[in-house]
Amino acid sequence: MIFIIIAFVILALLPPIVMKLFPPADLLMRIILAVMIFATVRGHLGSNTLTIIISAVLIYLLVIKHPYITASLYVFFYVLLAYNFLSVIVWGIGTKMGRHG
């Protein structure tokens, strides 16, 4: 259990370290975060002026003011989502094949 906690801490610390050491990675992560925020807001509100205003505020707060925290959370939750998706696939395969024994 302690190894999982250590792995999650390392996973949360890795994006800011990479972003500090490699400026192209910093720029790329900021672009990905900005596009993700805009796409999410546009998906919820549609294409209108309010979408642009809310996206601009969120991009300013999350991508410009606090990029390292946002990048850490994004990578952390992305890995958790991928892990949970994989566990659902494994569970589905297990129930499809049935139990032999």
C-alpha atoms as a PDB file:
ATOM      1  CA  MET A   1       0.000   0.000   0.000  1.00  0.00           C
ATOM      2  CA  ILE A   2       2.824   2.392   0.818  1.00  0.00           C
ATOM      3  CA  PHE A   3       4.320   1.834  -2.644  1.00  0.00           C
ATOM      4  CA  ILE A   4       1.088   2.954  -4.283  1.00  0.00           C
ATOM      5  CA  ILE A   5       1.055   6.148  -2.222  1.00  0.00           C
ATOM      6  CA  ILE A   6       4.702   6.826  -3.098  1.00  0.00           C
ATOM      7  CA  ALA A   7       3.937   6.205  -6.776  1.00  0.00           C
ATOM      8  CA  PHE A   8       1.023   8.671  -6.678  1.00  0.00           C
ATOM      9  CA  VAL A   9       3.202  11.307  -4.997  1.00  0.00           C
ATOM     10  CA  ILE A  10       5.897  10.849  -7.648  1.00  0.00           C
ATOM     11  CA  LEU A  11       3.227  11.002 -10.345  1.00  0.00           C
ATOM     12  CA  ALA A  12       1.930  14.285  -8.931  1.00  0.00           C
ATOM     13  CA  LEU A  13       5.427  15.797  -8.694  1.00  0.00           C
ATOM     14  CA  LEU A  14       6.606  14.723 -12.139  1.00  0.00           C
ATOM     15  CA  PRO A  15       4.741  17.259 -14.361  1.00  0.00           C
ATOM     16  CA  PRO A  16       6.068  20.401 -12.593  1.00  0.00           C
ATOM     17  CA  ILE A  17       9.612  19.022 -12.649  1.00  0.00           C
ATOM     18  CA  VAL A  18       9.423  18.207 -16.357  1.00  0.00           C
ATOM     19  CA  MET A  19       7.799  21.573 -17.091  1.00  0.00           C
ATOM     20  CA  LYS A  20      10.595  23.422 -15.251  1.00  0.00           C
ATOM     21  CA  LEU A  21      13.428  21.450 -16.860  1.00  0.00           C
ATOM     22  CA  PHE A  22      12.092  21.437 -20.436  1.00  0.00           C
ATOM     23  CA  PRO A  23      10.449  24.687 -21.608  1.00  0.00           C
ATOM     24  CA  PRO A  24       8.932  23.036 -24.728  1.00  0.00           C
ATOM     25  CA  ALA A  25       7.134  20.577 -22.435  1.00  0.00           C
ATOM     26  CA  ASP A  26       5.836  23.525 -20.419  1.00  0.00           C
ATOM     27  CA  LEU A  27       4.456  25.189 -23.539  1.00  0.00           C
ATOM     28  CA  LEU A  28       2.955  21.933 -24.809  1.00  0.00           C
ATOM     29  CA  MET A  29       1.251  21.187 -21.489  1.00  0.00           C
ATOM     30  CA  ARG A  30      -0.172  24.712 -21.313  1.00  0.00           C
ATOM     31  CA  ILE A  31      -1.571  24.377 -24.844  1.00  0.00           C
ATOM     32  CA  ILE A  32      -3.111  20.988 -24.015  1.00  0.00           C
ATOM     33  CA  LEU A  33      -4.677  22.385 -20.833  1.00  0.00           C
ATOM     34  CA  ALA A  34      -6.072  25.451 -22.622  1.00  0.00           C
ATOM     35  CA  VAL A  35      -7.609  23.371 -25.409  1.00  0.00           C
ATOM     36  CA  MET A  36      -9.027  20.904 -22.893  1.00  0.00           C
ATOM     37  CA  ILE A  37     -10.611  23.694 -20.836  1.00  0.00           C
ATOM     38  CA  PHE A  38     -12.114  25.374 -23.899  1.00  0.00           C
ATOM     39  CA  ALA A  39     -13.457  22.077 -25.274  1.00  0.00           C
ATOM     40  CA  THR A  40     -15.012  21.163 -21.934  1.00  0.00           C
ATOM     41  CA  VAL A  41     -16.693  24.544 -21.473  1.00  0.00           C
ATOM     42  CA  ARG A  42     -17.870  24.572 -25.091  1.00  0.00           C
ATOM     43  CA  GLY A  43     -19.288  21.063 -24.668  1.00  0.00           C
ATOM     44  CA  HIS A  44     -21.329  22.172 -21.670  1.00  0.00           C
ATOM     45  CA  LEU A  45     -22.435  25.635 -22.790  1.00  0.00           C
ATOM     46  CA  GLY A  46     -22.338  25.480 -26.578  1.00  0.00           C
ATOM     47  CA  SER A  47     -20.805  28.066 -28.897  1.00  0.00           C
ATOM     48  CA  ASN A  48     -21.650  31.509 -27.561  1.00  0.00           C
ATOM     49  CA  THR A  49     -20.095  34.531 -25.895  1.00  0.00           C
ATOM     50  CA  LEU A  50     -20.466  33.107 -22.397  1.00  0.00           C
ATOM     51  CA  THR A  51     -18.303  30.150 -23.436  1.00  0.00           C
ATOM     52  CA  ILE A  52     -15.469  32.453 -24.446  1.00  0.00           C
ATOM     53  CA  ILE A  53     -15.720  34.511 -21.247  1.00  0.00           C
ATOM     54  CA  ILE A  54     -15.785  31.500 -18.917  1.00  0.00           C
ATOM     55  CA  SER A  55     -13.017  29.777 -20.887  1.00  0.00           C
ATOM     56  CA  ALA A  56     -10.866  32.902 -20.733  1.00  0.00           C
ATOM     57  CA  VAL A  57     -11.287  33.197 -16.965  1.00  0.00           C
ATOM     58  CA  LEU A  58     -10.556  29.504 -16.385  1.00  0.00           C
ATOM     59  CA  ILE A  59      -7.565  29.516 -18.732  1.00  0.00           C
ATOM     60  CA  TYR A  60      -6.174  32.580 -16.984  1.00  0.00           C
ATOM     61  CA  LEU A  61      -6.601  31.072 -13.525  1.00  0.00           C
ATOM     62  CA  LEU A  62      -5.621  27.482 -14.290  1.00  0.00           C
ATOM     63  CA  VAL A  63      -3.114  27.748 -17.147  1.00  0.00           C
ATOM     64  CA  ILE A  64      -1.439  31.121 -16.622  1.00  0.00           C
ATOM     65  CA  LYS A  65      -1.596  31.676 -12.848  1.00  0.00           C
ATOM     66  CA  HIS A  66      -1.303  28.075 -11.563  1.00  0.00           C
ATOM     67  CA  PRO A  67       0.030  25.872 -14.376  1.00  0.00           C
ATOM     68  CA  TYR A  68       2.037  23.457 -12.228  1.00  0.00           C
ATOM     69  CA  ILE A  69      -0.840  22.570  -9.921  1.00  0.00           C
ATOM     70  CA  THR A  70      -3.212  22.199 -12.869  1.00  0.00           C
ATOM     71  CA  ALA A  71      -0.756  20.030 -14.816  1.00  0.00           C
ATOM     72  CA  SER A  72      -0.191  17.798 -11.789  1.00  0.00           C
ATOM     73  CA  LEU A  73      -3.913  17.334 -11.252  1.00  0.00           C
ATOM     74  CA  TYR A  74      -4.519  16.724 -14.958  1.00  0.00           C
ATOM     75  CA  VAL A  75      -1.846  14.018 -15.220  1.00  0.00           C
ATOM     76  CA  PHE A  76      -2.852  12.471 -11.883  1.00  0.00           C
ATOM     77  CA  PHE A  77      -6.534  12.160 -12.792  1.00  0.00           C
ATOM     78  CA  TYR A  78      -5.732  11.098 -16.353  1.00  0.00           C
ATOM     79  CA  VAL A  79      -3.669   8.177 -15.029  1.00  0.00           C
ATOM     80  CA  LEU A  80      -6.388   7.257 -12.528  1.00  0.00           C
ATOM     81  CA  LEU A  81      -8.997   7.360 -15.289  1.00  0.00           C
ATOM     82  CA  ALA A  82      -6.850   5.194 -17.562  1.00  0.00           C
ATOM     83  CA  TYR A  83      -6.243   2.716 -14.731  1.00  0.00           C
ATOM     84  CA  ASN A  84      -9.954   2.495 -13.914  1.00  0.00           C
ATOM     85  CA  PHE A  85     -10.833   2.069 -17.587  1.00  0.00           C
ATOM     86  CA  LEU A  86      -8.313  -0.767 -17.839  1.00  0.00           C
ATOM     87  CA  SER A  87      -9.737  -2.428 -14.725  1.00  0.00           C
ATOM     88  CA  VAL A  88     -13.244  -2.278 -16.236  1.00  0.00           C
ATOM     89  CA  ILE A  89     -11.944  -3.961 -19.392  1.00  0.00           C
ATOM     90  CA  VAL A  90     -10.269  -6.697 -17.354  1.00  0.00           C
ATOM     91  CA  TRP A  91     -13.453  -7.148 -15.306  1.00  0.00           C
ATOM     92  CA  GLY A  92     -15.517  -7.347 -18.506  1.00  0.00           C
ATOM     93  CA  ILE A  93     -13.236  -9.960 -20.018  1.00  0.00           C
ATOM     94  CA  GLY A  94     -13.391 -11.948 -16.791  1.00  0.00           C
ATOM     95  CA  THR A  95     -17.185 -11.954 -16.692  1.00  0.00           C
ATOM     96  CA  LYS A  96     -17.467 -12.748 -20.402  1.00  0.00           C
ATOM     97  CA  MET A  97     -15.212 -15.787 -20.168  1.00  0.00           C
ATOM     98  CA  GLY A  98     -16.934 -17.092 -17.063  1.00  0.00           C
ATOM     99  CA  ARG A  99     -15.413 -19.183 -14.335  1.00  0.00           C
ATOM    100  CA  HIS A 100     -14.128 -22.606 -15.149  1.00  0.00           C
ATOM    101  CA  GLY A 101     -13.513 -24.818 -12.206  1.00  0.00           C
END
